[in-house]
Amino acid sequence: MQEYIYYNKQNLDFPLSEKILVTNNMIEYKDSDFIVSNTNLFNAELVADEIDFYIRNSQDTIADKIKNIEKLYDLNESRFDNAQDMTFSQDVEKKVLLICDESWKKEFIKKIVSNEFDLFHINENILKSITGSIGNLNVVVDDEDKDITLNIDQIIWFDMKEEGKKQSGCFDPLETSIDDVLAEVRANIANYEYRKFLSYDKTICQYHERRDETCAKCVEVCPTTTIVKDDENKHLHFSQIDCHGCGGCISVCPSGALDYTPSNRESIYAMSKFFNGHIPLIIPQKMNISSLEVALKENVLPFKIEGEKFLHESTLLTILQESGSQVVFYTDFLSKGTTDSISILNQIYQAKYQKDAILVAMNKEQLVDALEKVDFIDGSKYQLNDMSLRKRENFAIRLSKIVGEYNFGEVQTGPNVHYAKVEVNESNCTLCLSCVGACNVNAIFADAKDNTLRLNPSLCTSCGYCEASCPESDCLTIKRDVIELQPMWFKENILAQDKLFACIECGKEFATTKAVEKIAKIMSPIFANDPIKEKTLYCCETCKPKIMMKSYMANPTNYNNKQGIAI
């Protein structure tokens, strides 16, 4: 497979790299396959229309343009090589449900061929529910007070309500046209393919198999039925066929349990390397830049991303530090998670560099303004040579580089992306380690060497499960929605410490002193008339039965009398 092709319809007046096949003949290469093209006129895995946008608008020298065009091709090839989005197919047959009144039904019938579909028709007022996915939709209708289930492949719903908008295989002709919807429905029957946009690590999910619901942000922001909760078992269920690939769930996932397969964390890391010495201009694929005329000052390098909602504080900081520059984000929409992430980063950069990190432009005028202001930031460049780090770990290491040994105050987080700091009232903590067991991101942990309970605040997701799991009163609390820009935020903080208690019989250390004293305080009044039982409160698990048995063997009659057993 030839890697790169450039369709030279504008007759460039300078040469391109030898790696790039340059042509103005579409016919000659119409059956060839490529990895990256500047146009969809060829069979290419990726279409990078930012290449023509760059050529048309960049103020770089000719020599730099030649190098940067090759870089844009290489960058897109990197995205293709690192992508983990697999393609699947779904059988879609001809069973189509039409939901509308009689007038719209007549208009629709005029547009189709006789027997083209197995067509069912209902009025909206008898519709009760829709479940399933395209090719396997189950529609429950009220038929004279009886529930009837229709098994449908696709639904055409005039003036579609919210329930239909969440389902794959549902189409509203009033949003486009009957002809457009029919074209899509027919194409789906011929060949329906979908991609896997999400990967999931349940081991660090803040919802998975927890007694209490501490997080379900992904479900809240999902515009479809892709992610649903099983509240009984505390499991998340994913329907990849229903996913639009917007990525909104990625940016609000606190731990990084969800990742975006077309451009996952490792892929973003690899692509960010190409921005070394450049000012990144990030543009979602949906943004039409084919006729956009704006001046790209020297060193500005545009790059299109798939999905506009998946960028979060860790991926954005990766791009910022690998480039050593501010970033321009040209988009007409900001997701909840990305909005919070930009706010967090801008607060951090204002505290350290007195400049915003991300310049958001939502129209051409704002883009022009942002491109005039954007620049490199002295001292902000940092290259981290580890692609395997999780979301919070990557962010913590990169942020610690910004903070260094200084104190820049606090950053406020939320309402959709949360950071926090666990605080412990040491006098009430028995080091039972329930909080350690509750934390699945290793923010709270124990050190057996010195019997301490420790916290790395930078890894805390503010889920609150440690607080819910703590059995002591007035012991563990959480300072929510804050990042402290000071060195100890990234280091192990000792929350509580205790000495081990030695068994009074054998000297074996078996529990913390506070734990033993707490249990003894509760049980001593109950065992007040039995000094042997009271003694066992201060013994290890081996010695407890030994001294009880020894006491019994010494005087079984007294023991039986105390137990109320008749002799």
Protein backbone atom coordinates (compact mmCIF):
# COMPACT_ATOMS: atom_id res chain seq x y z
CA MET A 1 0.00 0.00 0.00
CA GLN A 2 1.30 3.44 -0.96
CA GLU A 3 1.28 5.49 2.25
CA TYR A 4 0.59 9.08 1.20
CA ILE A 5 -1.12 10.76 -1.74
CA TYR A 6 -1.66 14.45 -2.43
CA TYR A 7 -4.24 15.53 -4.97
CA ASN A 8 -2.66 18.60 -6.54
CA LYS A 9 -5.73 20.39 -7.87
CA GLN A 10 -4.27 23.80 -6.97
CA ASN A 11 -0.99 23.19 -8.85
CA LEU A 12 1.46 23.76 -6.00
CA ASP A 13 4.40 25.90 -6.93
CA PHE A 14 6.78 24.00 -4.64
CA PRO A 15 7.70 20.31 -4.37
CA LEU A 16 6.64 17.90 -1.61
CA SER A 17 8.56 15.12 0.09
CA GLU A 18 9.38 12.05 -1.98
CA LYS A 19 7.27 10.04 0.49
CA ILE A 20 4.15 11.75 -0.87
CA LEU A 21 2.68 10.77 -4.22
CA VAL A 22 1.59 14.01 -5.88
CA THR A 23 -0.98 13.81 -8.67
CA ASN A 24 -3.73 15.73 -10.42
CA ASN A 25 -5.07 12.58 -12.07
CA MET A 26 -7.88 10.97 -10.06
CA ILE A 27 -8.57 8.25 -12.61
CA GLU A 28 -5.09 6.80 -12.54
CA TYR A 29 -5.21 6.04 -8.81
CA LYS A 30 -8.93 5.44 -8.25
CA ASP A 31 -8.37 1.75 -7.42
CA SER A 32 -5.27 2.27 -5.29
CA ASP A 33 -5.25 2.25 -1.48
CA PHE A 34 -3.50 4.80 0.70
CA ILE A 35 -3.10 5.51 4.40
CA VAL A 36 -3.41 9.32 4.28
CA SER A 37 -4.85 11.60 1.61
CA ASN A 38 -5.72 15.28 1.53
CA THR A 39 -9.06 14.47 -0.12
CA ASN A 40 -11.79 11.83 -0.03
CA LEU A 41 -11.49 11.31 -3.79
CA PHE A 42 -9.12 8.40 -3.17
CA ASN A 43 -9.37 5.20 -1.13
CA ALA A 44 -7.54 6.32 2.00
CA GLU A 45 -7.73 5.21 5.60
CA LEU A 46 -7.57 8.83 6.77
CA VAL A 47 -8.52 12.05 5.01
CA ALA A 48 -6.56 15.02 6.36
CA ASP A 49 -8.15 18.15 4.90
CA GLU A 50 -6.10 20.22 7.34
CA ILE A 51 -3.21 19.75 4.90
CA ASP A 52 -4.83 21.98 2.27
CA PHE A 53 -5.99 24.32 5.02
CA TYR A 54 -2.37 24.64 6.17
CA ILE A 55 -1.01 25.16 2.63
CA ARG A 56 -3.62 27.78 1.88
CA ASN A 57 -3.24 29.81 5.09
CA SER A 58 0.21 29.26 6.58
CA GLN A 59 2.76 32.05 6.68
CA ASP A 60 5.66 29.61 7.09
CA THR A 61 8.51 29.76 4.62
CA ILE A 62 8.41 27.41 1.63
CA ALA A 63 11.15 25.27 3.17
CA ASP A 64 9.17 24.94 6.43
CA LYS A 65 5.95 24.23 4.54
CA ILE A 66 7.57 21.29 2.75
CA LYS A 67 8.75 19.83 6.08
CA ASN A 68 5.46 20.52 7.87
CA ILE A 69 3.26 18.99 5.18
CA GLU A 70 5.26 15.80 5.52
CA LYS A 71 4.88 16.11 9.28
CA LEU A 72 1.09 16.35 8.95
CA TYR A 73 1.07 13.17 6.89
CA ASP A 74 3.31 11.41 9.43
CA LEU A 75 1.15 12.65 12.30
CA ASN A 76 -1.98 11.22 10.71
CA GLU A 77 -0.23 7.94 9.98
CA SER A 78 0.70 7.81 13.68
CA ARG A 79 -2.95 8.27 14.58
CA PHE A 80 -3.88 5.43 12.21
CA ASP A 81 -1.17 3.11 13.57
CA ASN A 82 -2.09 3.71 17.22
CA ALA A 83 -5.88 3.63 16.83
CA GLN A 84 -7.65 0.73 18.51
CA ASP A 85 -11.13 1.22 17.06
CA MET A 86 -12.25 -2.03 15.45
CA THR A 87 -14.98 -2.23 12.82
CA PHE A 88 -17.92 -4.63 13.10
CA SER A 89 -20.90 -5.38 10.88
CA GLN A 90 -24.57 -5.84 11.75
CA ASP A 91 -27.24 -7.60 9.70
CA VAL A 92 -30.05 -5.18 8.93
CA GLU A 93 -33.10 -6.56 7.15
CA LYS A 94 -36.10 -4.82 5.59
CA LYS A 95 -38.48 -4.52 8.57
CA VAL A 96 -39.13 -0.80 8.90
CA LEU A 97 -41.49 0.90 11.33
CA LEU A 98 -43.08 4.18 10.27
CA ILE A 99 -44.24 6.41 13.14
CA CYS A 100 -46.36 9.30 11.95
CA ASP A 101 -49.88 10.45 11.16
CA GLU A 102 -51.74 9.54 7.95
CA SER A 103 -50.69 12.65 6.03
CA TRP A 104 -46.99 11.97 6.49
CA LYS A 105 -47.56 8.30 5.72
CA LYS A 106 -48.98 9.23 2.31
CA GLU A 107 -46.00 11.45 1.58
CA PHE A 108 -43.64 8.66 2.55
CA ILE A 109 -45.38 5.98 0.46
CA LYS A 110 -44.97 8.13 -2.64
CA LYS A 111 -41.19 7.94 -2.22
CA ILE A 112 -40.76 4.16 -2.04
CA VAL A 113 -41.07 1.26 -4.43
CA SER A 114 -43.83 -1.27 -3.83
CA ASN A 115 -42.68 -4.07 -1.48
CA GLU A 116 -39.34 -2.35 -0.98
CA PHE A 117 -39.69 -2.73 2.81
CA ASP A 118 -41.65 -4.89 5.22
CA LEU A 119 -43.41 -1.76 6.38
CA PHE A 120 -45.29 -1.32 9.64
CA HIS A 121 -47.10 1.86 10.59
CA ILE A 122 -48.29 3.21 13.95
CA ASN A 123 -49.37 6.53 15.34
CA GLU A 124 -47.10 7.94 18.01
CA ASN A 125 -49.82 7.85 20.67
CA ILE A 126 -49.75 4.03 20.96
CA LEU A 127 -45.96 3.79 21.29
CA LYS A 128 -44.86 2.63 24.75
CA SER A 129 -41.15 1.86 24.53
CA ILE A 130 -38.18 1.17 22.26
CA THR A 131 -35.25 -1.04 23.22
CA GLY A 132 -32.42 -2.75 21.38
CA SER A 133 -30.29 -1.49 18.52
CA ILE A 134 -30.40 -1.13 14.76
CA GLY A 135 -31.16 -4.49 13.18
CA ASN A 136 -32.73 -5.70 16.44
CA LEU A 137 -35.16 -3.09 17.76
CA ASN A 138 -38.02 -4.11 20.04
CA VAL A 139 -40.96 -1.72 19.94
CA VAL A 140 -43.78 -2.14 22.45
CA VAL A 141 -47.15 -0.67 21.39
CA ASP A 142 -50.53 -0.48 23.06
CA ASP A 143 -53.01 -2.47 20.98
CA GLU A 144 -56.43 -2.08 22.62
CA ASP A 145 -54.94 -2.25 26.13
CA LYS A 146 -52.63 -5.13 25.25
CA ASP A 147 -48.88 -4.79 24.91
CA ILE A 148 -47.65 -5.96 21.52
CA THR A 149 -43.94 -6.21 20.71
CA LEU A 150 -42.79 -5.50 17.18
CA ASN A 151 -39.38 -6.75 16.09
CA ILE A 152 -38.02 -4.05 13.78
CA ASP A 153 -34.74 -3.33 11.98
CA GLN A 154 -35.09 0.45 11.54
CA ILE A 155 -37.54 3.20 12.52
CA ILE A 156 -38.56 6.26 10.55
CA TRP A 157 -40.20 8.64 13.00
CA PHE A 158 -41.57 11.99 11.90
CA ASP A 159 -40.98 14.64 14.60
CA MET A 160 -38.99 12.12 16.63
CA LYS A 161 -39.09 12.44 20.41
CA GLU A 162 -36.13 12.13 22.78
CA GLU A 163 -36.57 8.39 23.26
CA GLY A 164 -35.92 7.74 19.59
CA LYS A 165 -32.94 10.10 19.43
CA LYS A 166 -31.08 7.87 21.88
CA GLN A 167 -31.50 4.72 19.79
CA SER A 168 -29.46 3.61 16.83
CA GLY A 169 -31.57 2.91 13.76
CA CYS A 170 -34.07 5.73 14.36
CA PHE A 171 -34.36 8.54 11.81
CA ASP A 172 -36.40 11.73 11.59
CA PRO A 173 -37.17 13.00 8.05
CA LEU A 174 -38.11 16.41 9.46
CA GLU A 175 -34.49 16.99 10.49
CA THR A 176 -33.26 16.42 6.92
CA SER A 177 -35.69 15.11 4.30
CA ILE A 178 -37.56 11.95 3.38
CA ASP A 179 -35.14 11.36 0.52
CA ASP A 180 -32.09 11.68 2.78
CA VAL A 181 -33.53 9.30 5.38
CA LEU A 182 -34.52 6.76 2.74
CA ALA A 183 -31.00 6.85 1.30
CA GLU A 184 -29.58 6.13 4.76
CA VAL A 185 -32.08 3.36 5.52
CA ARG A 186 -31.34 1.68 2.18
CA ALA A 187 -27.60 1.95 2.70
CA ASN A 188 -27.93 0.34 6.14
CA ILE A 189 -29.75 -2.64 4.65
CA ALA A 190 -27.03 -3.08 2.05
CA ASN A 191 -24.18 -2.83 4.54
CA TYR A 192 -24.20 -1.58 8.13
CA GLU A 193 -20.86 -1.23 9.90
CA TYR A 194 -20.09 0.28 13.28
CA ARG A 195 -16.94 0.96 15.25
CA LYS A 196 -15.83 0.29 18.79
CA PHE A 197 -15.11 3.76 20.15
CA LEU A 198 -14.69 2.90 23.84
CA SER A 199 -12.31 0.78 25.89
CA TYR A 200 -13.07 0.04 29.54
CA ASP A 201 -10.95 -0.93 32.55
CA LYS A 202 -13.33 -2.06 35.27
CA THR A 203 -10.54 -2.38 37.85
CA ILE A 204 -10.33 1.40 38.24
CA CYS A 205 -13.98 2.20 37.51
CA GLN A 206 -15.54 4.23 40.32
CA TYR A 207 -18.93 2.56 39.80
CA HIS A 208 -18.05 -1.11 39.30
CA GLU A 209 -19.22 -3.43 42.12
CA ARG A 210 -19.35 -0.79 44.84
CA ARG A 211 -21.90 -0.91 47.63
CA ASP A 212 -22.80 2.74 47.11
CA GLU A 213 -23.02 4.63 43.85
CA THR A 214 -20.07 7.01 43.93
CA CYS A 215 -19.86 7.71 40.20
CA ALA A 216 -21.92 7.30 37.05
CA LYS A 217 -20.81 10.38 35.12
CA CYS A 218 -20.44 8.47 31.88
CA VAL A 219 -24.09 7.38 31.98
CA GLU A 220 -25.24 10.92 32.79
CA VAL A 221 -23.53 12.52 29.79
CA CYS A 222 -24.14 9.76 27.22
CA PRO A 223 -26.60 11.07 24.57
CA THR A 224 -27.57 7.52 23.54
CA THR A 225 -28.16 4.14 25.19
CA THR A 226 -24.52 3.16 24.75
CA ILE A 227 -23.76 3.04 28.50
CA VAL A 228 -26.35 1.81 31.00
CA LYS A 229 -26.12 0.99 34.69
CA ASP A 230 -26.99 -2.29 36.35
CA ASP A 231 -27.82 -0.84 39.76
CA GLU A 232 -28.40 -4.22 41.37
CA ASN A 233 -24.93 -5.57 40.60
CA LYS A 234 -23.20 -2.20 40.09
CA HIS A 235 -21.99 -3.08 36.60
CA LEU A 236 -21.79 -0.89 33.49
CA HIS A 237 -23.04 -2.37 30.22
CA PHE A 238 -21.84 -1.09 26.86
CA SER A 239 -23.61 -1.20 23.50
CA GLN A 240 -20.89 -0.20 21.06
CA ILE A 241 -23.32 -0.27 18.13
CA ASP A 242 -25.25 2.63 19.68
CA CYS A 243 -22.16 4.79 20.26
CA HIS A 244 -21.80 7.97 18.18
CA GLY A 245 -18.14 8.29 19.10
CA CYS A 246 -18.54 11.77 20.59
CA GLY A 247 -16.24 10.93 23.52
CA GLY A 248 -18.16 12.88 26.16
CA CYS A 249 -17.92 10.00 28.61
CA ILE A 250 -14.12 9.96 28.30
CA SER A 251 -13.57 13.50 29.51
CA VAL A 252 -15.75 13.10 32.63
CA CYS A 253 -14.39 9.68 33.66
CA PRO A 254 -12.40 10.50 36.81
CA SER A 255 -10.00 7.56 36.89
CA GLY A 256 -9.42 6.94 33.18
CA ALA A 257 -11.38 3.69 33.22
CA LEU A 258 -12.81 4.77 29.86
CA ASP A 259 -10.60 5.65 26.92
CA TYR A 260 -11.25 6.75 23.34
CA THR A 261 -10.06 4.06 20.92
CA PRO A 262 -9.54 6.27 17.81
CA SER A 263 -7.17 8.52 19.82
CA ASN A 264 -6.39 6.92 23.16
CA ARG A 265 -3.90 8.25 25.70
CA GLU A 266 -0.96 6.45 24.09
CA SER A 267 -2.00 7.77 20.66
CA ILE A 268 -2.29 11.35 21.93
CA TYR A 269 1.16 11.00 23.50
CA ALA A 270 2.67 9.78 20.21
CA MET A 271 0.95 12.50 18.16
CA SER A 272 1.92 15.25 20.58
CA LYS A 273 5.58 14.56 19.79
CA PHE A 274 5.01 16.01 16.31
CA PHE A 275 4.17 19.41 17.87
CA ASN A 276 7.67 19.90 19.22
CA GLY A 277 8.53 23.42 18.06
CA HIS A 278 5.00 24.09 16.82
CA ILE A 279 1.86 25.81 18.07
CA PRO A 280 -1.01 23.28 18.02
CA LEU A 281 -4.33 24.23 16.42
CA ILE A 282 -6.78 21.44 17.29
CA ILE A 283 -9.91 21.11 15.14
CA PRO A 284 -12.67 18.45 15.43
CA GLN A 285 -13.35 16.54 12.21
CA LYS A 286 -16.89 17.90 12.00
CA MET A 287 -15.63 21.48 11.59
CA ASN A 288 -15.70 22.52 7.94
CA ILE A 289 -12.42 24.25 7.09
CA SER A 290 -12.46 23.68 3.32
CA SER A 291 -13.09 27.35 2.62
CA LEU A 292 -11.91 28.86 5.90
CA GLU A 293 -9.46 31.71 5.30
CA VAL A 294 -7.44 32.76 8.33
CA ALA A 295 -3.80 33.73 8.70
CA LEU A 296 -1.77 30.97 10.36
CA LYS A 297 1.31 32.70 11.68
CA GLU A 298 4.62 30.92 11.57
CA ASN A 299 4.89 27.61 13.46
CA VAL A 300 1.12 27.09 13.80
CA LEU A 301 0.33 23.48 12.89
CA PRO A 302 -3.32 22.45 12.51
CA PHE A 303 -4.54 18.97 13.34
CA LYS A 304 -7.99 17.45 13.10
CA ILE A 305 -9.27 15.06 15.75
CA GLU A 306 -12.15 12.63 15.59
CA GLY A 307 -14.78 13.46 18.18
CA GLU A 308 -14.93 16.79 19.95
CA LYS A 309 -15.70 15.75 23.52
CA PHE A 310 -13.02 13.28 24.60
CA LEU A 311 -10.18 15.70 25.39
CA HIS A 312 -9.51 15.93 29.13
CA GLU A 313 -7.00 17.60 31.40
CA SER A 314 -4.39 14.85 31.02
CA THR A 315 -4.42 14.67 27.20
CA LEU A 316 -4.52 18.45 26.88
CA LEU A 317 -1.61 18.92 29.28
CA THR A 318 0.33 16.33 27.28
CA ILE A 319 -0.09 18.41 24.12
CA LEU A 320 0.70 21.62 25.98
CA GLN A 321 3.95 20.38 27.49
CA GLU A 322 5.21 18.38 24.52
CA SER A 323 4.78 21.47 22.33
CA GLY A 324 5.86 24.04 24.93
CA SER A 325 3.12 26.29 23.60
CA GLN A 326 -0.37 27.49 24.25
CA VAL A 327 -3.03 25.54 22.31
CA VAL A 328 -5.86 26.86 20.14
CA PHE A 329 -9.02 24.72 20.15
CA TYR A 330 -11.35 25.63 17.27
CA THR A 331 -14.76 24.06 17.91
CA ASP A 332 -18.43 24.98 17.90
CA PHE A 333 -19.16 22.85 20.98
CA LEU A 334 -17.49 22.10 24.31
CA SER A 335 -18.46 19.05 26.35
CA LYS A 336 -18.92 19.23 30.11
CA GLY A 337 -15.70 17.36 30.79
CA THR A 338 -13.59 19.30 28.29
CA THR A 339 -14.99 22.60 29.59
CA ASP A 340 -13.93 21.75 33.15
CA SER A 341 -10.55 20.48 31.96
CA ILE A 342 -9.82 23.72 30.11
CA SER A 343 -10.84 25.71 33.18
CA ILE A 344 -8.49 23.67 35.39
CA LEU A 345 -5.55 24.07 33.01
CA ASN A 346 -6.14 27.77 32.47
CA GLN A 347 -6.15 28.33 36.24
CA ILE A 348 -2.89 26.40 36.56
CA TYR A 349 -1.20 28.25 33.71
CA GLN A 350 -2.39 31.62 34.96
CA ALA A 351 -0.95 30.83 38.40
CA LYS A 352 2.44 29.76 36.96
CA TYR A 353 2.85 31.59 33.65
CA GLN A 354 0.19 34.36 33.81
CA LYS A 355 -1.25 33.05 30.52
CA ASP A 356 -4.13 30.81 29.54
CA ALA A 357 -3.19 27.32 28.45
CA ILE A 358 -6.07 26.72 26.00
CA LEU A 359 -7.52 29.44 23.78
CA VAL A 360 -11.01 28.37 22.70
CA ALA A 361 -12.41 29.75 19.46
CA MET A 362 -16.03 28.98 18.58
CA ASN A 363 -16.30 31.03 15.38
CA LYS A 364 -14.04 32.58 12.76
CA GLU A 365 -13.70 35.92 14.56
CA GLN A 366 -12.61 34.22 17.78
CA LEU A 367 -10.23 32.00 15.81
CA VAL A 368 -8.56 35.02 14.20
CA ASP A 369 -8.16 36.61 17.64
CA ALA A 370 -6.79 33.41 19.19
CA LEU A 371 -4.28 32.88 16.38
CA GLU A 372 -2.95 36.38 16.90
CA LYS A 373 -2.50 35.85 20.65
CA VAL A 374 -1.26 32.26 20.81
CA ASP A 375 2.46 31.75 21.40
CA PHE A 376 5.10 29.55 22.97
CA ILE A 377 5.47 29.73 26.76
CA ASP A 378 9.03 29.86 28.04
CA GLY A 379 9.76 27.11 30.53
CA SER A 380 6.55 25.17 29.87
CA LYS A 381 8.05 22.46 27.67
CA TYR A 382 8.34 19.05 29.31
CA GLN A 383 8.86 15.68 27.64
CA LEU A 384 7.65 12.65 29.60
CA ASN A 385 8.91 9.39 28.14
CA ASP A 386 6.23 7.03 29.43
CA MET A 387 3.22 6.11 27.30
CA SER A 388 1.76 3.59 29.77
CA LEU A 389 0.67 5.93 32.56
CA ARG A 390 -2.96 6.11 33.55
CA LYS A 391 -4.92 9.33 33.26
CA ARG A 392 -4.38 10.66 36.80
CA GLU A 393 -0.81 9.43 37.05
CA ASN A 394 0.15 11.19 33.82
CA PHE A 395 -1.55 14.39 34.91
CA ALA A 396 0.06 14.28 38.36
CA ILE A 397 3.61 13.85 37.03
CA ARG A 398 3.16 16.58 34.43
CA LEU A 399 1.55 18.98 36.91
CA SER A 400 4.28 18.35 39.49
CA LYS A 401 6.79 19.53 36.89
CA ILE A 402 4.91 22.84 36.64
CA VAL A 403 4.67 23.30 40.41
CA GLY A 404 8.23 22.32 41.23
CA GLU A 405 9.15 23.40 44.77
CA TYR A 406 6.88 26.44 44.91
CA ASN A 407 3.38 27.12 46.20
CA PHE A 408 1.02 28.67 43.67
CA GLY A 409 -2.15 28.43 45.74
CA GLU A 410 -5.24 26.39 44.91
CA VAL A 411 -7.18 25.53 41.76
CA GLN A 412 -10.94 25.01 41.91
CA THR A 413 -12.34 21.97 40.06
CA GLY A 414 -15.86 20.77 39.18
CA PRO A 415 -18.73 20.60 38.54
CA ASN A 416 -17.99 17.66 36.20
CA VAL A 417 -14.29 16.95 36.73
CA HIS A 418 -13.35 16.49 40.37
CA TYR A 419 -10.17 16.47 42.39
CA ALA A 420 -9.99 16.26 46.18
CA LYS A 421 -7.87 15.73 49.27
CA VAL A 422 -8.61 13.14 51.95
CA GLU A 423 -8.19 14.33 55.52
CA VAL A 424 -8.07 12.07 58.59
CA ASN A 425 -8.64 12.81 62.28
CA GLU A 426 -5.70 10.75 63.50
CA SER A 427 -6.98 10.44 67.06
CA ASN A 428 -10.02 8.51 65.82
CA CYS A 429 -8.27 6.38 63.18
CA THR A 430 -7.58 2.76 64.16
CA LEU A 431 -5.78 1.94 60.90
CA CYS A 432 -8.38 -0.68 60.07
CA LEU A 433 -7.50 0.02 56.39
CA SER A 434 -11.09 -0.05 55.16
CA CYS A 435 -10.30 3.11 53.21
CA VAL A 436 -7.31 1.41 51.58
CA GLY A 437 -9.50 -1.43 50.40
CA ALA A 438 -12.05 1.04 49.10
CA CYS A 439 -9.58 3.02 46.97
CA ASN A 440 -8.98 1.37 43.58
CA VAL A 441 -6.62 4.05 42.23
CA ASN A 442 -4.00 3.69 45.00
CA ALA A 443 -4.44 7.23 46.26
CA ILE A 444 -4.77 5.86 49.82
CA PHE A 445 -2.40 3.09 50.86
CA ALA A 446 -0.72 1.60 53.92
CA ASP A 447 2.99 1.23 54.64
CA ALA A 448 3.70 -1.79 56.84
CA LYS A 449 7.25 -0.62 57.51
CA ASP A 450 6.15 2.16 59.84
CA ASN A 451 2.43 1.34 60.33
CA THR A 452 1.23 4.43 58.54
CA LEU A 453 -1.82 5.29 56.49
CA ARG A 454 -0.71 7.42 53.55
CA LEU A 455 -2.24 9.52 50.79
CA ASN A 456 -1.07 10.74 47.41
CA PRO A 457 -3.56 13.61 46.92
CA SER A 458 -2.81 13.98 43.21
CA LEU A 459 -4.35 10.57 42.46
CA CYS A 460 -7.60 11.07 44.41
CA THR A 461 -10.71 11.13 42.19
CA SER A 462 -13.03 12.52 44.88
CA CYS A 463 -15.34 9.50 44.55
CA GLY A 464 -15.95 9.43 48.32
CA TYR A 465 -15.96 5.64 48.63
CA CYS A 466 -13.29 5.76 51.33
CA GLU A 467 -15.48 8.12 53.34
CA ALA A 468 -18.46 5.80 52.97
CA SER A 469 -16.33 2.78 53.95
CA CYS A 470 -14.72 4.26 57.08
CA PRO A 471 -16.31 2.61 60.17
CA GLU A 472 -15.20 5.30 62.60
CA SER A 473 -17.14 8.46 63.37
CA ASP A 474 -15.54 11.86 62.88
CA CYS A 475 -12.51 10.24 61.30
CA LEU A 476 -12.22 10.56 57.50
CA THR A 477 -13.47 13.52 55.47
CA ILE A 478 -12.82 14.82 51.97
CA LYS A 479 -11.88 18.33 50.94
CA ARG A 480 -13.56 18.38 47.54
CA ASP A 481 -12.99 20.16 44.23
CA VAL A 482 -9.54 21.48 44.90
CA ILE A 483 -6.01 21.00 43.56
CA GLU A 484 -3.25 22.42 45.75
CA LEU A 485 -0.40 23.73 43.62
CA GLN A 486 2.33 22.90 46.12
CA PRO A 487 4.92 20.10 46.36
CA MET A 488 3.19 17.97 49.02
CA TRP A 489 0.19 17.49 46.70
CA PHE A 490 2.32 15.04 44.71
CA LYS A 491 4.06 13.28 47.60
CA GLU A 492 3.05 10.69 50.16
CA ASN A 493 1.23 12.42 53.04
CA ILE A 494 1.02 10.53 56.35
CA LEU A 495 -2.62 10.59 57.43
CA ALA A 496 -2.31 8.42 60.55
CA GLN A 497 0.25 6.28 62.36
CA ASP A 498 0.16 3.86 65.29
CA LYS A 499 2.28 1.34 67.14
CA LEU A 500 1.59 -2.36 66.93
CA PHE A 501 0.24 -4.02 70.07
CA ALA A 502 2.13 -7.06 71.40
CA CYS A 503 0.15 -10.03 72.70
CA ILE A 504 0.46 -10.11 76.52
CA GLU A 505 0.97 -13.88 76.41
CA CYS A 506 3.45 -14.52 73.60
CA GLY A 507 4.60 -11.04 72.62
CA LYS A 508 3.45 -11.36 68.99
CA GLU A 509 2.41 -8.06 67.41
CA PHE A 510 -1.05 -8.65 65.99
CA ALA A 511 -2.97 -5.36 65.70
CA THR A 512 -2.61 -1.62 66.11
CA THR A 513 -2.70 -0.30 69.65
CA LYS A 514 -5.70 1.91 68.93
CA ALA A 515 -7.69 -0.98 67.51
CA VAL A 516 -7.01 -3.18 70.53
CA GLU A 517 -7.83 -0.37 72.94
CA LYS A 518 -11.06 0.43 71.12
CA ILE A 519 -12.29 -3.17 71.24
CA ALA A 520 -11.23 -3.51 74.87
CA LYS A 521 -13.12 -0.35 75.80
CA ILE A 522 -16.30 -1.78 74.29
CA MET A 523 -15.95 -5.35 75.59
CA SER A 524 -14.37 -4.87 79.03
CA PRO A 525 -17.65 -3.92 80.74
CA ILE A 526 -19.25 -7.05 79.30
CA PHE A 527 -16.38 -9.27 80.50
CA ALA A 528 -16.00 -7.46 83.84
CA ASN A 529 -16.91 -10.55 85.88
CA ASP A 530 -14.60 -12.85 83.92
CA PRO A 531 -10.93 -11.82 84.13
CA ILE A 532 -9.90 -14.62 81.73
CA LYS A 533 -12.16 -13.35 78.96
CA GLU A 534 -11.07 -9.80 79.67
CA LYS A 535 -7.46 -10.95 79.33
CA THR A 536 -8.17 -12.42 75.87
CA LEU A 537 -8.91 -8.92 74.59
CA TYR A 538 -5.16 -8.29 74.72
CA CYS A 539 -4.10 -11.60 73.17
CA CYS A 540 -3.40 -12.65 69.59
CA GLU A 541 -5.58 -15.09 67.68
CA THR A 542 -3.35 -18.02 68.72
CA CYS A 543 -3.28 -17.27 72.42
CA LYS A 544 -6.97 -16.43 72.87
CA PRO A 545 -8.20 -20.07 72.63
CA LYS A 546 -5.18 -21.35 74.54
CA ILE A 547 -5.84 -19.35 77.69
CA MET A 548 -9.59 -20.04 77.47
CA MET A 549 -8.92 -23.79 77.24
CA LYS A 550 -6.33 -23.61 80.02
CA SER A 551 -8.84 -21.89 82.28
CA TYR A 552 -11.48 -24.51 81.51
CA MET A 553 -9.16 -27.44 82.14
CA ALA A 554 -8.09 -25.96 85.47
CA ASN A 555 -11.67 -25.70 86.77
CA PRO A 556 -14.33 -27.11 84.44
CA THR A 557 -17.02 -27.07 87.18
CA ASN A 558 -16.75 -23.32 87.68
CA TYR A 559 -16.69 -22.77 83.95
CA ASN A 560 -19.89 -24.78 83.41
CA ASN A 561 -21.63 -23.00 86.24
CA LYS A 562 -20.74 -19.63 84.75
CA GLN A 563 -22.23 -20.79 81.46
CA GLY A 564 -25.45 -21.79 83.24
CA ILE A 565 -25.01 -25.52 82.48
CA ALA A 566 -26.69 -27.94 84.94
CA ILE A 567 -24.33 -30.45 86.62
